[in-house]
C-alpha atoms as a PDB file:
ATOM      1  CA  UNK A   1       0.226  -8.729  -0.893  1.00  0.00           C
ATOM      2  CA  UNK A   2       2.289  -6.708  -3.397  1.00  0.00           C
ATOM      3  CA  UNK A   3      -0.664  -4.379  -4.028  1.00  0.00           C
ATOM      4  CA  UNK A   4      -1.101  -3.850  -0.280  1.00  0.00           C
ATOM      5  CA  UNK A   5       2.578  -2.959   0.133  1.00  0.00           C
ATOM      6  CA  UNK A   6       2.372  -0.559  -2.829  1.00  0.00           C
ATOM      7  CA  UNK A   7      -0.636   1.176  -1.280  1.00  0.00           C
ATOM      8  CA  UNK A   8       1.174   1.472   2.036  1.00  0.00           C
ATOM      9  CA  UNK A   9       4.258   2.867   0.287  1.00  0.00           C
ATOM     10  CA  UNK A  10       2.250   5.581  -1.459  1.00  0.00           C
ATOM     11  CA  UNK A  11       0.479   6.426   1.808  1.00  0.00           C
ATOM     12  CA  UNK A  12       3.788   6.538   3.702  1.00  0.00           C
ATOM     13  CA  UNK A  13       5.389   8.847   1.145  1.00  0.00           C
ATOM     14  CA  UNK A  14       2.426  11.205   1.522  1.00  0.00           C
ATOM     15  CA  UNK A  15       2.781  11.096   5.311  1.00  0.00           C
ATOM     16  CA  UNK A  16       6.513  11.816   5.099  1.00  0.00           C
ATOM     17  CA  UNK A  17       5.900  14.780   2.799  1.00  0.00           C
ATOM     18  CA  UNK A  18       2.727  16.242   4.251  1.00  0.00           C
ATOM     19  CA  UNK A  19       1.922  14.483   7.524  1.00  0.00           C
ATOM     20  CA  UNK A  20      -1.159  12.467   8.411  1.00  0.00           C
ATOM     21  CA  UNK A  21      -3.775  11.758  11.040  1.00  0.00           C
ATOM     22  CA  UNK A  22      -4.420   8.533  12.962  1.00  0.00           C
ATOM     23  CA  UNK A  23      -6.980   7.374  15.496  1.00  0.00           C
ATOM     24  CA  UNK A  24      -5.122   5.796  18.432  1.00  0.00           C
ATOM     25  CA  UNK A  25      -6.569   3.960  21.428  1.00  0.00           C
ATOM     26  CA  UNK A  26      -5.109   4.815  24.835  1.00  0.00           C
ATOM     27  CA  UNK A  27      -6.089   4.240  28.462  1.00  0.00           C
ATOM     28  CA  UNK A  28      -7.248   7.190  30.558  1.00  0.00           C
ATOM     29  CA  UNK A  29      -6.955   7.318  34.354  1.00  0.00           C
ATOM     30  CA  UNK A  30      -8.453  10.196  36.354  1.00  0.00           C
ATOM     31  CA  UNK A  31      -7.123  11.442  39.688  1.00  0.00           C
ATOM     32  CA  UNK A  32      -9.558  13.712  41.515  1.00  0.00           C
ATOM     33  CA  UNK A  33      -9.956  15.425  44.881  1.00  0.00           C
ATOM     34  CA  UNK A  34      -8.551  18.317  46.922  1.00  0.00           C
ATOM     35  CA  UNK A  35      -5.145  16.589  47.226  1.00  0.00           C
ATOM     36  CA  UNK A  36      -4.960  15.304  43.620  1.00  0.00           C
ATOM     37  CA  UNK A  37      -2.279  17.747  42.501  1.00  0.00           C
ATOM     38  CA  UNK A  38      -0.204  17.440  45.646  1.00  0.00           C
ATOM     39  CA  UNK A  39      -0.302  13.651  45.484  1.00  0.00           C
ATOM     40  CA  UNK A  40       0.688  13.480  41.819  1.00  0.00           C
ATOM     41  CA  UNK A  41       3.454  16.015  42.454  1.00  0.00           C
ATOM     42  CA  UNK A  42       5.098  13.437  44.708  1.00  0.00           C
ATOM     43  CA  UNK A  43       4.509  10.484  42.364  1.00  0.00           C
ATOM     44  CA  UNK A  44       5.286  11.839  38.895  1.00  0.00           C
ATOM     45  CA  UNK A  45       8.665  12.953  37.567  1.00  0.00           C
ATOM     46  CA  UNK A  46       7.270  16.081  35.934  1.00  0.00           C
ATOM     47  CA  UNK A  47       6.011  19.345  37.421  1.00  0.00           C
ATOM     48  CA  UNK A  48       2.262  18.912  37.923  1.00  0.00           C
ATOM     49  CA  UNK A  49       0.926  21.548  40.306  1.00  0.00           C
ATOM     50  CA  UNK A  50       2.271  24.438  38.233  1.00  0.00           C
ATOM     51  CA  UNK A  51       0.576  23.225  35.041  1.00  0.00           C
ATOM     52  CA  UNK A  52      -2.086  25.700  33.890  1.00  0.00           C
ATOM     53  CA  UNK A  53      -5.644  24.408  33.630  1.00  0.00           C
ATOM     54  CA  UNK A  54      -6.048  22.749  30.229  1.00  0.00           C
ATOM     55  CA  UNK A  55      -2.314  22.083  29.753  1.00  0.00           C
ATOM     56  CA  UNK A  56      -0.581  18.709  29.424  1.00  0.00           C
ATOM     57  CA  UNK A  57       2.941  17.323  29.681  1.00  0.00           C
ATOM     58  CA  UNK A  58       4.725  13.989  29.513  1.00  0.00           C
ATOM     59  CA  UNK A  59       5.829  12.322  32.734  1.00  0.00           C
ATOM     60  CA  UNK A  60       7.241   9.121  34.144  1.00  0.00           C
ATOM     61  CA  UNK A  61       5.772   7.057  36.951  1.00  0.00           C
ATOM     62  CA  UNK A  62       8.708   5.287  38.552  1.00  0.00           C
ATOM     63  CA  UNK A  63       9.360   2.466  40.960  1.00  0.00           C
ATOM     64  CA  UNK A  64      11.120   3.428  44.203  1.00  0.00           C
ATOM     65  CA  UNK A  65      14.247   1.977  42.553  1.00  0.00           C
ATOM     66  CA  UNK A  66      13.892   4.559  39.756  1.00  0.00           C
ATOM     67  CA  UNK A  67      12.980   2.122  36.979  1.00  0.00           C
ATOM     68  CA  UNK A  68       9.907   2.613  34.806  1.00  0.00           C
ATOM     69  CA  UNK A  69       6.357   1.769  35.850  1.00  0.00           C
ATOM     70  CA  UNK A  70       4.782   3.907  33.104  1.00  0.00           C
ATOM     71  CA  UNK A  71       5.418   6.711  30.638  1.00  0.00           C
ATOM     72  CA  UNK A  72       2.301   8.804  30.254  1.00  0.00           C
ATOM     73  CA  UNK A  73       0.819  12.231  29.739  1.00  0.00           C
ATOM     74  CA  UNK A  74      -0.718  14.216  32.546  1.00  0.00           C
ATOM     75  CA  UNK A  75      -3.455  16.692  31.623  1.00  0.00           C
ATOM     76  CA  UNK A  76      -4.590  19.189  34.251  1.00  0.00           C
ATOM     77  CA  UNK A  77      -8.304  19.803  33.839  1.00  0.00           C
ATOM     78  CA  UNK A  78      -8.565  21.915  37.002  1.00  0.00           C
ATOM     79  CA  UNK A  79      -6.867  21.961  40.447  1.00  0.00           C
ATOM     80  CA  UNK A  80      -8.882  18.941  41.608  1.00  0.00           C
ATOM     81  CA  UNK A  81      -8.962  16.856  38.438  1.00  0.00           C
ATOM     82  CA  UNK A  82      -6.068  15.396  36.456  1.00  0.00           C
ATOM     83  CA  UNK A  83      -6.293  12.970  33.532  1.00  0.00           C
ATOM     84  CA  UNK A  84      -3.430  10.583  32.791  1.00  0.00           C
ATOM     85  CA  UNK A  85      -3.294   8.832  29.407  1.00  0.00           C
ATOM     86  CA  UNK A  86      -1.018   5.878  28.742  1.00  0.00           C
ATOM     87  CA  UNK A  87      -0.541   3.205  26.054  1.00  0.00           C
ATOM     88  CA  UNK A  88      -3.606   0.994  25.668  1.00  0.00           C
ATOM     89  CA  UNK A  89      -3.561  -1.925  28.091  1.00  0.00           C
ATOM     90  CA  UNK A  90      -1.453  -0.142  30.714  1.00  0.00           C
ATOM     91  CA  UNK A  91      -4.130   1.825  32.533  1.00  0.00           C
ATOM     92  CA  UNK A  92      -4.690  -0.848  35.182  1.00  0.00           C
ATOM     93  CA  UNK A  93      -0.978  -0.912  35.994  1.00  0.00           C
ATOM     94  CA  UNK A  94      -1.009   2.863  36.461  1.00  0.00           C
ATOM     95  CA  UNK A  95      -4.011   2.610  38.804  1.00  0.00           C
ATOM     96  CA  UNK A  96      -2.341  -0.118  40.866  1.00  0.00           C
ATOM     97  CA  UNK A  97       0.891   1.881  41.117  1.00  0.00           C
ATOM     98  CA  UNK A  98      -0.804   5.142  42.125  1.00  0.00           C
ATOM     99  CA  UNK A  99      -3.036   3.468  44.684  1.00  0.00           C
ATOM    100  CA  UNK A 100       0.007   1.867  46.291  1.00  0.00           C
ATOM    101  CA  UNK A 101       1.007   5.066  48.120  1.00  0.00           C
ATOM    102  CA  UNK A 102      -2.439   6.641  48.437  1.00  0.00           C
ATOM    103  CA  UNK A 103      -2.574   6.876  52.243  1.00  0.00           C
ATOM    104  CA  UNK A 104      -4.358   9.584  54.237  1.00  0.00           C
ATOM    105  CA  UNK A 105      -4.778  11.586  51.065  1.00  0.00           C
ATOM    106  CA  UNK A 106      -7.933  13.302  49.831  1.00  0.00           C
ATOM    107  CA  UNK A 107      -7.602  12.004  46.296  1.00  0.00           C
ATOM    108  CA  UNK A 108      -9.232   9.201  44.339  1.00  0.00           C
ATOM    109  CA  UNK A 109      -7.733   7.233  41.466  1.00  0.00           C
ATOM    110  CA  UNK A 110     -10.445   6.155  39.025  1.00  0.00           C
ATOM    111  CA  UNK A 111     -10.615   2.940  37.038  1.00  0.00           C
ATOM    112  CA  UNK A 112      -9.036   3.113  33.569  1.00  0.00           C
ATOM    113  CA  UNK A 113     -11.187   3.901  30.541  1.00  0.00           C
ATOM    114  CA  UNK A 114     -10.298   3.198  26.922  1.00  0.00           C
ATOM    115  CA  UNK A 115     -10.291   6.479  25.015  1.00  0.00           C
ATOM    116  CA  UNK A 116      -9.534   7.574  21.452  1.00  0.00           C
ATOM    117  CA  UNK A 117      -6.802  10.067  20.634  1.00  0.00           C
ATOM    118  CA  UNK A 118      -6.678  11.883  17.307  1.00  0.00           C
ATOM    119  CA  UNK A 119      -2.958  11.899  16.505  1.00  0.00           C
ATOM    120  CA  UNK A 120      -1.900  14.704  14.145  1.00  0.00           C
ATOM    121  CA  UNK A 121       1.566  14.339  12.637  1.00  0.00           C
ATOM    122  CA  UNK A 122       2.141  17.408  10.514  1.00  0.00           C
ATOM    123  CA  UNK A 123       5.724  18.320   9.536  1.00  0.00           C
ATOM    124  CA  UNK A 124       4.602  20.588   6.686  1.00  0.00           C
ATOM    125  CA  UNK A 125       1.575  22.255   8.222  1.00  0.00           C
ATOM    126  CA  UNK A 126      -0.620  21.047   5.355  1.00  0.00           C
ATOM    127  CA  UNK A 127      -2.729  18.346   7.026  1.00  0.00           C
ATOM    128  CA  UNK A 128      -6.388  19.288   6.718  1.00  0.00           C
ATOM    129  CA  UNK A 129      -9.379  18.125   8.683  1.00  0.00           C
ATOM    130  CA  UNK A 130     -12.682  18.923   7.013  1.00  0.00           C
ATOM    131  CA  UNK A 131     -14.477  18.823  10.352  1.00  0.00           C
ATOM    132  CA  UNK A 132     -12.824  18.830  13.759  1.00  0.00           C
ATOM    133  CA  UNK A 133     -16.057  17.510  15.261  1.00  0.00           C
ATOM    134  CA  UNK A 134     -15.789  19.677  18.340  1.00  0.00           C
ATOM    135  CA  UNK A 135     -12.603  17.874  19.326  1.00  0.00           C
ATOM    136  CA  UNK A 136     -11.618  17.610  22.968  1.00  0.00           C
ATOM    137  CA  UNK A 137      -8.456  18.305  24.946  1.00  0.00           C
ATOM    138  CA  UNK A 138      -5.213  19.071  23.118  1.00  0.00           C
ATOM    139  CA  UNK A 139      -2.283  16.998  24.427  1.00  0.00           C
ATOM    140  CA  UNK A 140       1.483  17.356  24.200  1.00  0.00           C
ATOM    141  CA  UNK A 141       3.455  15.131  21.802  1.00  0.00           C
ATOM    142  CA  UNK A 142       7.079  14.071  22.201  1.00  0.00           C
ATOM    143  CA  UNK A 143       9.792  12.308  20.225  1.00  0.00           C
ATOM    144  CA  UNK A 144      12.839  13.115  18.068  1.00  0.00           C
ATOM    145  CA  UNK A 145      11.550  15.127  15.121  1.00  0.00           C
ATOM    146  CA  UNK A 146       7.892  14.536  16.023  1.00  0.00           C
ATOM    147  CA  UNK A 147       5.694  17.481  15.066  1.00  0.00           C
ATOM    148  CA  UNK A 148       1.970  17.909  15.462  1.00  0.00           C
ATOM    149  CA  UNK A 149      -0.384  17.383  18.366  1.00  0.00           C
ATOM    150  CA  UNK A 150      -2.767  14.854  19.863  1.00  0.00           C
ATOM    151  CA  UNK A 151      -6.404  15.472  20.714  1.00  0.00           C
ATOM    152  CA  UNK A 152      -8.289  13.464  23.341  1.00  0.00           C
ATOM    153  CA  UNK A 153     -11.724  12.966  21.838  1.00  0.00           C
ATOM    154  CA  UNK A 154     -14.859  13.354  23.978  1.00  0.00           C
ATOM    155  CA  UNK A 155     -16.517  10.177  25.220  1.00  0.00           C
ATOM    156  CA  UNK A 156     -19.197   8.642  22.957  1.00  0.00           C
ATOM    157  CA  UNK A 157     -18.647  11.208  20.238  1.00  0.00           C
ATOM    158  CA  UNK A 158     -19.422   9.966  16.751  1.00  0.00           C
ATOM    159  CA  UNK A 159     -16.258  10.834  14.906  1.00  0.00           C
ATOM    160  CA  UNK A 160     -16.256  11.368  11.160  1.00  0.00           C
ATOM    161  CA  UNK A 161     -12.650  11.034  10.081  1.00  0.00           C
ATOM    162  CA  UNK A 162     -12.151  13.327   7.088  1.00  0.00           C
ATOM    163  CA  UNK A 163      -8.491  14.061   6.498  1.00  0.00           C
ATOM    164  CA  UNK A 164      -6.162  14.558   3.572  1.00  0.00           C
ATOM    165  CA  UNK A 165      -3.870  11.710   4.738  1.00  0.00           C
ATOM    166  CA  UNK A 166      -5.441   9.050   6.981  1.00  0.00           C
ATOM    167  CA  UNK A 167      -2.711   7.018   8.693  1.00  0.00           C
ATOM    168  CA  UNK A 168      -3.500   3.281   9.018  1.00  0.00           C
ATOM    169  CA  UNK A 169      -2.303   1.506  12.187  1.00  0.00           C
ATOM    170  CA  UNK A 170       0.715  -0.133  10.557  1.00  0.00           C
ATOM    171  CA  UNK A 171       1.977   3.238   9.307  1.00  0.00           C
ATOM    172  CA  UNK A 172       1.362   4.925  12.645  1.00  0.00           C
ATOM    173  CA  UNK A 173       3.554   2.176  14.141  1.00  0.00           C
ATOM    174  CA  UNK A 174       6.176   2.790  11.452  1.00  0.00           C
ATOM    175  CA  UNK A 175       6.097   6.504  12.288  1.00  0.00           C
ATOM    176  CA  UNK A 176       6.603   5.713  15.974  1.00  0.00           C
ATOM    177  CA  UNK A 177       9.581   3.457  15.295  1.00  0.00           C
ATOM    178  CA  UNK A 178      11.128   5.787  12.696  1.00  0.00           C
ATOM    179  CA  UNK A 179      11.073   8.584  15.278  1.00  0.00           C
ATOM    180  CA  UNK A 180      12.426   6.447  18.114  1.00  0.00           C
ATOM    181  CA  UNK A 181       9.355   6.837  20.330  1.00  0.00           C
ATOM    182  CA  UNK A 182       9.222   4.023  22.933  1.00  0.00           C
ATOM    183  CA  UNK A 183       6.163   1.920  23.727  1.00  0.00           C
ATOM    184  CA  UNK A 184       5.137   0.417  27.032  1.00  0.00           C
ATOM    185  CA  UNK A 185       5.886  -3.303  27.179  1.00  0.00           C
ATOM    186  CA  UNK A 186       8.400  -3.025  24.342  1.00  0.00           C
ATOM    187  CA  UNK A 187      11.103  -0.397  24.872  1.00  0.00           C
ATOM    188  CA  UNK A 188       9.764   0.517  28.325  1.00  0.00           C
ATOM    189  CA  UNK A 189       9.491  -2.298  30.873  1.00  0.00           C
ATOM    190  CA  UNK A 190       9.901  -2.747  34.617  1.00  0.00           C
ATOM    191  CA  UNK A 191      13.635  -3.250  33.975  1.00  0.00           C
ATOM    192  CA  UNK A 192      14.120  -0.023  31.995  1.00  0.00           C
ATOM    193  CA  UNK A 193      16.183   2.872  33.317  1.00  0.00           C
ATOM    194  CA  UNK A 194      14.383   5.993  32.014  1.00  0.00           C
ATOM    195  CA  UNK A 195      17.433   7.505  30.289  1.00  0.00           C
ATOM    196  CA  UNK A 196      17.825   4.330  28.212  1.00  0.00           C
ATOM    197  CA  UNK A 197      14.900   5.548  26.099  1.00  0.00           C
ATOM    198  CA  UNK A 198      16.850   8.692  25.169  1.00  0.00           C
ATOM    199  CA  UNK A 199      17.802  12.066  26.560  1.00  0.00           C
ATOM    200  CA  UNK A 200      14.881  13.639  24.696  1.00  0.00           C
ATOM    201  CA  UNK A 201      12.493  11.580  26.869  1.00  0.00           C
ATOM    202  CA  UNK A 202      14.163  12.858  30.032  1.00  0.00           C
ATOM    203  CA  UNK A 203      13.959  16.432  28.733  1.00  0.00           C
ATOM    204  CA  UNK A 204      10.241  16.026  27.949  1.00  0.00           C
ATOM    205  CA  UNK A 205       9.237  14.079  31.047  1.00  0.00           C
ATOM    206  CA  UNK A 206      11.380  15.112  34.017  1.00  0.00           C
ATOM    207  CA  UNK A 207      11.605  18.292  36.058  1.00  0.00           C
ATOM    208  CA  UNK A 208      14.926  18.798  37.845  1.00  0.00           C
ATOM    209  CA  UNK A 209      13.654  21.823  39.772  1.00  0.00           C
ATOM    210  CA  UNK A 210      10.587  20.370  41.513  1.00  0.00           C
ATOM    211  CA  UNK A 211      10.565  18.713  44.926  1.00  0.00           C
ATOM    212  CA  UNK A 212      11.077  15.035  45.666  1.00  0.00           C
ATOM    213  CA  UNK A 213       9.163  12.293  43.865  1.00  0.00           C
ATOM    214  CA  UNK A 214       9.263   8.516  43.948  1.00  0.00           C
ATOM    215  CA  UNK A 215      12.264   7.164  42.022  1.00  0.00           C
ATOM    216  CA  UNK A 216      14.024  10.529  41.776  1.00  0.00           C
ATOM    217  CA  UNK A 217      17.428   9.371  43.019  1.00  0.00           C
ATOM    218  CA  UNK A 218      18.301   7.141  40.054  1.00  0.00           C
ATOM    219  CA  UNK A 219      17.149   9.729  37.492  1.00  0.00           C
ATOM    220  CA  UNK A 220      19.191  12.487  39.131  1.00  0.00           C
ATOM    221  CA  UNK A 221      22.293  10.298  39.562  1.00  0.00           C
ATOM    222  CA  UNK A 222      22.371   9.207  35.923  1.00  0.00           C
ATOM    223  CA  UNK A 223      21.747  12.745  34.704  1.00  0.00           C
ATOM    224  CA  UNK A 224      24.686  13.974  36.796  1.00  0.00           C
ATOM    225  CA  UNK A 225      26.868  11.354  35.110  1.00  0.00           C
ATOM    226  CA  UNK A 226      25.990  12.532  31.617  1.00  0.00           C
ATOM    227  CA  UNK A 227      23.184  10.042  30.910  1.00  0.00           C
ATOM    228  CA  UNK A 228      25.516   7.059  30.534  1.00  0.00           C
ATOM    229  CA  UNK A 229      23.254   3.982  30.711  1.00  0.00           C
ATOM    230  CA  UNK A 230      23.863   0.247  30.196  1.00  0.00           C
ATOM    231  CA  UNK A 231      21.402  -0.502  27.359  1.00  0.00           C
ATOM    232  CA  UNK A 232      20.223   2.527  25.372  1.00  0.00           C
ATOM    233  CA  UNK A 233      17.418   2.068  22.853  1.00  0.00           C
ATOM    234  CA  UNK A 234      18.795   2.388  19.308  1.00  0.00           C
ATOM    235  CA  UNK A 235      17.134   2.784  15.925  1.00  0.00           C
ATOM    236  CA  UNK A 236      18.193   0.192  13.339  1.00  0.00           C
ATOM    237  CA  UNK A 237      17.857   0.481   9.558  1.00  0.00           C
ATOM    238  CA  UNK A 238      17.618  -3.109   8.361  1.00  0.00           C
ATOM    239  CA  UNK A 239      19.034  -4.015   4.953  1.00  0.00           C
ATOM    240  CA  UNK A 240      17.314  -6.338   2.470  1.00  0.00           C
ATOM    241  CA  UNK A 241      13.747  -7.552   2.110  1.00  0.00           C
ATOM    242  CA  UNK A 242      13.596  -9.975   5.037  1.00  0.00           C
ATOM    243  CA  UNK A 243      11.689  -8.506   8.013  1.00  0.00           C
ATOM    244  CA  UNK A 244      12.745  -8.834  11.619  1.00  0.00           C
ATOM    245  CA  UNK A 245      10.454  -9.351  14.588  1.00  0.00           C
ATOM    246  CA  UNK A 246      10.531  -8.311  18.258  1.00  0.00           C
ATOM    247  CA  UNK A 247      12.822 -10.548  20.265  1.00  0.00           C
ATOM    248  CA  UNK A 248      15.287 -11.047  17.404  1.00  0.00           C
ATOM    249  CA  UNK A 249      18.876 -11.181  18.572  1.00  0.00           C
ATOM    250  CA  UNK A 250      21.310  -8.420  17.593  1.00  0.00           C
ATOM    251  CA  UNK A 251      25.043  -9.096  17.272  1.00  0.00           C
ATOM    252  CA  UNK A 252      28.140  -6.973  16.798  1.00  0.00           C
ATOM    253  CA  UNK A 253      31.178  -8.745  15.340  1.00  0.00           C
ATOM    254  CA  UNK A 254      29.507 -12.054  16.176  1.00  0.00           C
ATOM    255  CA  UNK A 255      28.847 -11.242  19.845  1.00  0.00           C
ATOM    256  CA  UNK A 256      25.280 -10.796  21.214  1.00  0.00           C
ATOM    257  CA  UNK A 257      24.663  -7.163  22.176  1.00  0.00           C
ATOM    258  CA  UNK A 258      20.884  -6.978  22.606  1.00  0.00           C
ATOM    259  CA  UNK A 259      17.492  -7.705  21.107  1.00  0.00           C
ATOM    260  CA  UNK A 260      14.851  -6.063  18.932  1.00  0.00           C
ATOM    261  CA  UNK A 261      11.962  -4.552  20.890  1.00  0.00           C
ATOM    262  CA  UNK A 262       9.805  -3.222  17.999  1.00  0.00           C
ATOM    263  CA  UNK A 263      10.015  -3.636  14.224  1.00  0.00           C
ATOM    264  CA  UNK A 264       8.305  -2.605  11.001  1.00  0.00           C
ATOM    265  CA  UNK A 265       8.891  -4.314   7.603  1.00  0.00           C
ATOM    266  CA  UNK A 266      10.407  -2.703   4.491  1.00  0.00           C
ATOM    267  CA  UNK A 267       8.156  -0.915   2.000  1.00  0.00           C
ATOM    268  CA  UNK A 268      10.715  -0.397  -0.782  1.00  0.00           C
ATOM    269  CA  UNK A 269      14.508  -0.158  -1.215  1.00  0.00           C
ATOM    270  CA  UNK A 270      14.269   3.502  -0.217  1.00  0.00           C
ATOM    271  CA  UNK A 271      12.001   2.725   2.716  1.00  0.00           C
ATOM    272  CA  UNK A 272      13.750  -0.169   4.474  1.00  0.00           C
ATOM    273  CA  UNK A 273      12.725  -2.182   7.473  1.00  0.00           C
ATOM    274  CA  UNK A 274      13.202  -0.373  10.777  1.00  0.00           C
ATOM    275  CA  UNK A 275      13.594  -1.636  14.320  1.00  0.00           C
ATOM    276  CA  UNK A 276      14.149  -0.384  17.826  1.00  0.00           C
ATOM    277  CA  UNK A 277      16.508  -2.414  19.969  1.00  0.00           C
ATOM    278  CA  UNK A 278      17.974  -2.181  23.458  1.00  0.00           C
ATOM    279  CA  UNK A 279      21.703  -2.539  22.827  1.00  0.00           C
ATOM    280  CA  UNK A 280      24.825  -2.523  24.940  1.00  0.00           C
ATOM    281  CA  UNK A 281      26.358   0.909  25.448  1.00  0.00           C
ATOM    282  CA  UNK A 282      29.382  -0.067  23.350  1.00  0.00           C
ATOM    283  CA  UNK A 283      27.209  -0.115  20.204  1.00  0.00           C
ATOM    284  CA  UNK A 284      27.503   3.461  18.974  1.00  0.00           C
ATOM    285  CA  UNK A 285      25.508   5.322  16.360  1.00  0.00           C
ATOM    286  CA  UNK A 286      27.147   4.617  13.006  1.00  0.00           C
ATOM    287  CA  UNK A 287      27.931   0.977  13.778  1.00  0.00           C
ATOM    288  CA  UNK A 288      26.762  -1.900  11.599  1.00  0.00           C
ATOM    289  CA  UNK A 289      25.243  -4.822  13.460  1.00  0.00           C
ATOM    290  CA  UNK A 290      23.736  -8.149  12.424  1.00  0.00           C
ATOM    291  CA  UNK A 291      20.073  -8.879  13.151  1.00  0.00           C
ATOM    292  CA  UNK A 292      18.335 -12.237  13.049  1.00  0.00           C
ATOM    293  CA  UNK A 293      15.567 -11.907  10.429  1.00  0.00           C
ATOM    294  CA  UNK A 294      12.883 -14.420   9.505  1.00  0.00           C
ATOM    295  CA  UNK A 295      15.164 -15.672   6.709  1.00  0.00           C
ATOM    296  CA  UNK A 296      18.566 -15.490   8.371  1.00  0.00           C
ATOM    297  CA  UNK A 297      21.062 -12.883   9.549  1.00  0.00           C
ATOM    298  CA  UNK A 298      21.011  -9.469   7.875  1.00  0.00           C
ATOM    299  CA  UNK A 299      23.063  -6.299   8.400  1.00  0.00           C
ATOM    300  CA  UNK A 300      21.551  -3.196   9.968  1.00  0.00           C
ATOM    301  CA  UNK A 301      22.878   0.294  10.519  1.00  0.00           C
ATOM    302  CA  UNK A 302      22.560   2.068  13.878  1.00  0.00           C
ATOM    303  CA  UNK A 303      21.260   5.607  13.284  1.00  0.00           C
ATOM    304  CA  UNK A 304      19.921   8.582  15.203  1.00  0.00           C
ATOM    305  CA  UNK A 305      16.167   9.036  14.899  1.00  0.00           C
ATOM    306  CA  UNK A 306      14.230  10.195  13.030  1.00  0.00           C
ATOM    307  CA  UNK A 307      14.723   8.117   9.894  1.00  0.00           C
ATOM    308  CA  UNK A 308      12.664   9.554   7.048  1.00  0.00           C
ATOM    309  CA  UNK A 309      12.776   8.197   3.506  1.00  0.00           C
ATOM    310  CA  UNK A 310      16.397   7.541   2.609  1.00  0.00           C
ATOM    311  CA  UNK A 311      17.870   8.885   5.790  1.00  0.00           C
ATOM    312  CA  UNK A 312      17.677  11.023   8.882  1.00  0.00           C
ATOM    313  CA  UNK A 313      15.616  14.201   8.669  1.00  0.00           C
END
């Protein structure tokens, strides 16, 4: 186990310094037909019709109440074909939600397909791919301090992954948490108010100049009030060697204030355990909270993402 952690530490330090590349599974849903753009314009929080062919952007699919059904990317292939990619396992939920209001509309929502995304995370511009393999569509990335791009690989392509810094799944997850990027089913659930995931997500995923869309009222009301939400997602830097797990209680001065939604274990004293947690609005950045670890209660600092190495970038 110690050797495995050491290998991960060396790999993580290389990723922090130079970036890395991961293969990530996501679900892809296609929306096609003469009314595809018009329909999505009324269902997604982001501007869709004005996207150029080949462009992509992040968007929210919301309940009528304004809470989250899905956070996804929308890629405009052409005026009658859009591709939506979402966290693996959530494609069926997107299909069900989009079909819910598909009445008297010349558009078809296809069944979800599992697809591979080549995730480039490249803060230094030094990541090298020996062979891009004729890679497919380039997709937008989003998150505090996240740099790079994602590529949706063509179906059934044999991919030879030659890169200077391959990123194993556990380090891709650490990168996600360290940069405060939410995941469906963890930070984003049917009870989540979009702004709880961070103002950066609203900036990346919402257009305030387009026409009406489902769930718009709550998003607009909270934005007009300065983004003040009940349970914002916070990044925690966990002290000590004892890891925490999703669902762990978080306390401030002995009082429960929330729970961990995602976590990654420590790699070294300079690369501590990290967690995302939905916490009460009274828990400000800079506070020290207590988190229930697998070996008892441990302190954790509340910080702004991203957390890189010994501190924020």
